[in-house]
Amino acid sequence: EAGLRIVGLSEGETLRRAASGPAPQVRLEARGSQDELIWLVDGRQIARVSAQRSLLHRFAEPGRHRITVMDEAGRHDSIEISVR
């Protein structure tokens, strides 16, 4: 069985803010679960969504950020990205 995994972003990826533009926004998606998903950024819960839904999140603060997704069965995945 394949585990729960974050898709669309890669470990170590760098998001860049456009010159004088808004903070970068990403679509958070995961595969490998039918359960409700719990999303965390830097250890803080930002949302609970059904497994079939994606989530838009804007990274207002520059620096390194840990994105984690968990489901009710205890499966999880985590990646670290940088925002500049």
Foldseek 3Di string as FASTA:
>chain_A
DDFKDWPDDDAAAEAEADVVHAADKDKIAIDDDQFWKFKDKQRHTDDTGGNVDIDIDGDRDFAKIKIKMAGPVGTIDIHIYGYD
